[in-house]
Amino acid sequence: MDGKSITLLGIVFIFFGIAAFSYKGITYTSREKIIDVSPITATAYAENILPISPLSSGFVLLGGIALVVIGRKKSF
C-alpha cells in the first residue's frame, strides 16, 4: 500500500471512531412471540440496543491517527 491509501484508510477510521463516540449503540428491532397457543399467536416488536464500548471507539480513533501518521511518513 502506498502512503495515500494508508492515509485515506486512517481518515476513515478516525471518522468511524468519532461517530462511535457520539452514538450510544446500534438500535435494532426484533420480533418476539408473546403467546403461542395453537390457533392463536401474539407477537410484539421490541427495540434492542447493541452498545458500543467507548474503549473500542478509542482504539479505532487512535488506530486511525496512527495510520494517518504512517501514511504521511511513507508519502515523503
N, C-alpha and C. Protein backbone atom coordinates (compact mmCIF):
# COMPACT_ATOMS: atom_id res chain seq x y z
N MET A 1 0.84 -1.19 0.00
CA MET A 1 0.00 0.00 0.00
C MET A 1 0.88 1.24 0.00
N ASP A 2 0.46 2.21 -0.75
CA ASP A 2 1.21 3.45 -0.78
C ASP A 2 0.74 4.38 0.34
N GLY A 3 1.42 5.48 0.51
CA GLY A 3 1.13 6.40 1.60
C GLY A 3 -0.24 7.04 1.54
N LYS A 4 -0.72 7.32 0.32
CA LYS A 4 -2.02 7.99 0.18
C LYS A 4 -3.16 7.07 0.59
N SER A 5 -3.08 5.80 0.23
CA SER A 5 -4.17 4.88 0.59
C SER A 5 -4.17 4.59 2.09
N ILE A 6 -3.00 4.53 2.71
CA ILE A 6 -2.93 4.34 4.17
C ILE A 6 -3.51 5.55 4.88
N THR A 7 -3.20 6.75 4.38
CA THR A 7 -3.74 7.96 4.97
C THR A 7 -5.25 8.01 4.82
N LEU A 8 -5.77 7.63 3.67
CA LEU A 8 -7.21 7.62 3.44
C LEU A 8 -7.90 6.62 4.37
N LEU A 9 -7.31 5.44 4.55
CA LEU A 9 -7.86 4.46 5.48
C LEU A 9 -7.85 5.00 6.91
N GLY A 10 -6.80 5.70 7.27
CA GLY A 10 -6.73 6.32 8.59
C GLY A 10 -7.81 7.35 8.80
N ILE A 11 -8.10 8.15 7.78
CA ILE A 11 -9.16 9.16 7.88
C ILE A 11 -10.52 8.49 8.05
N VAL A 12 -10.73 7.37 7.36
CA VAL A 12 -11.99 6.63 7.50
C VAL A 12 -12.11 6.09 8.93
N PHE A 13 -11.02 5.55 9.49
CA PHE A 13 -11.04 5.06 10.86
C PHE A 13 -11.32 6.18 11.85
N ILE A 14 -10.72 7.34 11.62
CA ILE A 14 -10.97 8.48 12.51
C ILE A 14 -12.44 8.87 12.46
N PHE A 15 -13.01 8.91 11.27
CA PHE A 15 -14.43 9.24 11.14
C PHE A 15 -15.31 8.25 11.90
N PHE A 16 -15.05 6.95 11.74
CA PHE A 16 -15.85 5.95 12.43
C PHE A 16 -15.62 5.98 13.94
N GLY A 17 -14.42 6.29 14.37
CA GLY A 17 -14.15 6.40 15.81
C GLY A 17 -14.92 7.54 16.44
N ILE A 18 -14.95 8.70 15.76
CA ILE A 18 -15.71 9.84 16.27
C ILE A 18 -17.20 9.55 16.24
N ALA A 19 -17.67 8.92 15.18
CA ALA A 19 -19.10 8.57 15.09
C ALA A 19 -19.49 7.58 16.18
N ALA A 20 -18.63 6.63 16.48
CA ALA A 20 -18.93 5.65 17.53
C ALA A 20 -19.00 6.31 18.90
N PHE A 21 -18.19 7.33 19.14
CA PHE A 21 -18.27 8.06 20.41
C PHE A 21 -19.59 8.81 20.54
N SER A 22 -20.13 9.29 19.43
CA SER A 22 -21.34 10.11 19.51
C SER A 22 -22.62 9.28 19.64
N TYR A 23 -22.57 7.99 19.28
CA TYR A 23 -23.75 7.13 19.40
C TYR A 23 -23.63 6.26 20.64
N LYS A 24 -24.76 5.99 21.29
CA LYS A 24 -24.75 5.10 22.45
C LYS A 24 -24.66 3.64 22.03
N GLY A 25 -25.18 3.34 20.86
CA GLY A 25 -25.16 1.97 20.38
C GLY A 25 -25.96 1.85 19.10
N ILE A 26 -26.01 0.64 18.60
CA ILE A 26 -26.76 0.36 17.39
C ILE A 26 -28.13 -0.17 17.80
N THR A 27 -29.18 0.49 17.35
CA THR A 27 -30.54 0.09 17.70
C THR A 27 -31.11 -0.78 16.60
N TYR A 28 -31.73 -1.87 17.01
CA TYR A 28 -32.40 -2.75 16.05
C TYR A 28 -33.71 -3.25 16.66
N THR A 29 -34.64 -3.65 15.81
CA THR A 29 -35.94 -4.11 16.24
C THR A 29 -36.04 -5.61 16.01
N SER A 30 -36.53 -6.31 17.04
CA SER A 30 -36.72 -7.75 16.91
C SER A 30 -38.18 -8.09 17.21
N ARG A 31 -38.62 -9.20 16.65
CA ARG A 31 -39.99 -9.65 16.84
C ARG A 31 -39.97 -10.83 17.80
N GLU A 32 -40.77 -10.75 18.87
CA GLU A 32 -40.80 -11.79 19.88
C GLU A 32 -42.20 -12.37 20.00
N LYS A 33 -42.28 -13.68 20.19
CA LYS A 33 -43.58 -14.31 20.43
C LYS A 33 -43.95 -14.13 21.89
N ILE A 34 -45.14 -13.62 22.13
CA ILE A 34 -45.63 -13.44 23.49
C ILE A 34 -46.47 -14.65 23.90
N ILE A 35 -47.43 -14.99 23.06
CA ILE A 35 -48.33 -16.12 23.33
C ILE A 35 -48.30 -17.04 22.11
N ASP A 36 -48.18 -18.34 22.37
CA ASP A 36 -48.20 -19.31 21.28
C ASP A 36 -49.13 -20.46 21.65
N VAL A 37 -50.41 -20.23 21.52
CA VAL A 37 -51.42 -21.26 21.71
C VAL A 37 -51.84 -21.65 20.30
N SER A 38 -52.00 -22.93 20.05
CA SER A 38 -52.17 -23.47 18.70
C SER A 38 -52.80 -22.52 17.68
N PRO A 39 -54.06 -22.15 17.78
CA PRO A 39 -54.63 -21.30 16.74
C PRO A 39 -54.30 -19.81 16.93
N ILE A 40 -53.82 -19.44 18.11
CA ILE A 40 -53.61 -18.02 18.42
C ILE A 40 -52.13 -17.78 18.73
N THR A 41 -51.56 -16.82 18.04
CA THR A 41 -50.20 -16.39 18.37
C THR A 41 -50.19 -14.87 18.49
N ALA A 42 -49.46 -14.39 19.44
CA ALA A 42 -49.32 -12.95 19.63
C ALA A 42 -47.83 -12.62 19.60
N THR A 43 -47.49 -11.63 18.81
CA THR A 43 -46.10 -11.20 18.72
C THR A 43 -46.01 -9.73 19.07
N ALA A 44 -44.83 -9.36 19.50
CA ALA A 44 -44.58 -7.96 19.83
C ALA A 44 -43.22 -7.57 19.27
N TYR A 45 -43.08 -6.32 18.94
CA TYR A 45 -41.81 -5.79 18.46
C TYR A 45 -41.10 -5.13 19.63
N ALA A 46 -39.83 -5.45 19.79
CA ALA A 46 -39.04 -4.88 20.87
C ALA A 46 -37.81 -4.21 20.28
N GLU A 47 -37.51 -3.02 20.75
CA GLU A 47 -36.29 -2.33 20.32
C GLU A 47 -35.15 -2.73 21.24
N ASN A 48 -34.07 -3.16 20.65
CA ASN A 48 -32.89 -3.56 21.40
C ASN A 48 -31.73 -2.66 21.02
N ILE A 49 -30.79 -2.50 21.95
CA ILE A 49 -29.62 -1.67 21.69
C ILE A 49 -28.37 -2.53 21.87
N LEU A 50 -27.54 -2.55 20.85
CA LEU A 50 -26.25 -3.20 20.93
C LEU A 50 -25.24 -2.11 21.28
N PRO A 51 -24.77 -2.10 22.54
CA PRO A 51 -23.92 -0.98 22.96
C PRO A 51 -22.54 -1.02 22.30
N ILE A 52 -22.00 0.16 22.08
CA ILE A 52 -20.64 0.30 21.54
C ILE A 52 -19.76 0.79 22.68
N SER A 53 -18.73 0.05 22.97
CA SER A 53 -17.84 0.38 24.07
C SER A 53 -17.01 1.62 23.74
N PRO A 54 -16.90 2.56 24.68
CA PRO A 54 -16.02 3.71 24.43
C PRO A 54 -14.56 3.30 24.25
N LEU A 55 -14.19 2.18 24.86
CA LEU A 55 -12.81 1.70 24.71
C LEU A 55 -12.53 1.28 23.28
N SER A 56 -13.48 0.57 22.66
CA SER A 56 -13.28 0.18 21.27
C SER A 56 -13.32 1.39 20.34
N SER A 57 -14.15 2.36 20.65
CA SER A 57 -14.19 3.60 19.86
C SER A 57 -12.85 4.32 19.94
N GLY A 58 -12.27 4.33 21.12
CA GLY A 58 -10.96 4.96 21.30
C GLY A 58 -9.87 4.25 20.52
N PHE A 59 -9.91 2.90 20.51
CA PHE A 59 -8.92 2.14 19.75
C PHE A 59 -9.03 2.42 18.25
N VAL A 60 -10.25 2.51 17.75
CA VAL A 60 -10.45 2.81 16.32
C VAL A 60 -9.92 4.21 16.01
N LEU A 61 -10.21 5.16 16.88
CA LEU A 61 -9.75 6.54 16.68
C LEU A 61 -8.23 6.62 16.72
N LEU A 62 -7.61 5.98 17.72
CA LEU A 62 -6.15 6.01 17.81
C LEU A 62 -5.50 5.25 16.65
N GLY A 63 -6.11 4.16 16.22
CA GLY A 63 -5.59 3.44 15.06
C GLY A 63 -5.65 4.29 13.81
N GLY A 64 -6.72 5.06 13.66
CA GLY A 64 -6.83 5.97 12.52
C GLY A 64 -5.77 7.05 12.54
N ILE A 65 -5.52 7.59 13.72
CA ILE A 65 -4.47 8.62 13.84
C ILE A 65 -3.11 8.02 13.50
N ALA A 66 -2.85 6.80 13.98
CA ALA A 66 -1.57 6.14 13.69
C ALA A 66 -1.43 5.88 12.19
N LEU A 67 -2.51 5.47 11.54
CA LEU A 67 -2.43 5.21 10.09
C LEU A 67 -2.18 6.50 9.31
N VAL A 68 -2.76 7.60 9.75
CA VAL A 68 -2.51 8.88 9.07
C VAL A 68 -1.04 9.27 9.22
N VAL A 69 -0.49 9.10 10.41
CA VAL A 69 0.92 9.44 10.63
C VAL A 69 1.82 8.54 9.79
N ILE A 70 1.54 7.25 9.77
CA ILE A 70 2.34 6.31 8.98
C ILE A 70 2.23 6.62 7.48
N GLY A 71 1.01 6.92 7.04
CA GLY A 71 0.81 7.24 5.62
C GLY A 71 1.53 8.49 5.20
N ARG A 72 1.57 9.48 6.07
CA ARG A 72 2.29 10.71 5.72
C ARG A 72 3.79 10.48 5.66
N LYS A 73 4.30 9.62 6.56
CA LYS A 73 5.74 9.34 6.54
C LYS A 73 6.12 8.56 5.28
N LYS A 74 5.23 7.66 4.81
CA LYS A 74 5.53 6.87 3.62
C LYS A 74 5.46 7.72 2.35
N SER A 75 4.62 8.74 2.36
CA SER A 75 4.46 9.54 1.13
C SER A 75 5.62 10.50 0.91
N PHE A 76 6.40 10.76 1.96
CA PHE A 76 7.55 11.67 1.80
C PHE A 76 8.75 10.94 1.38
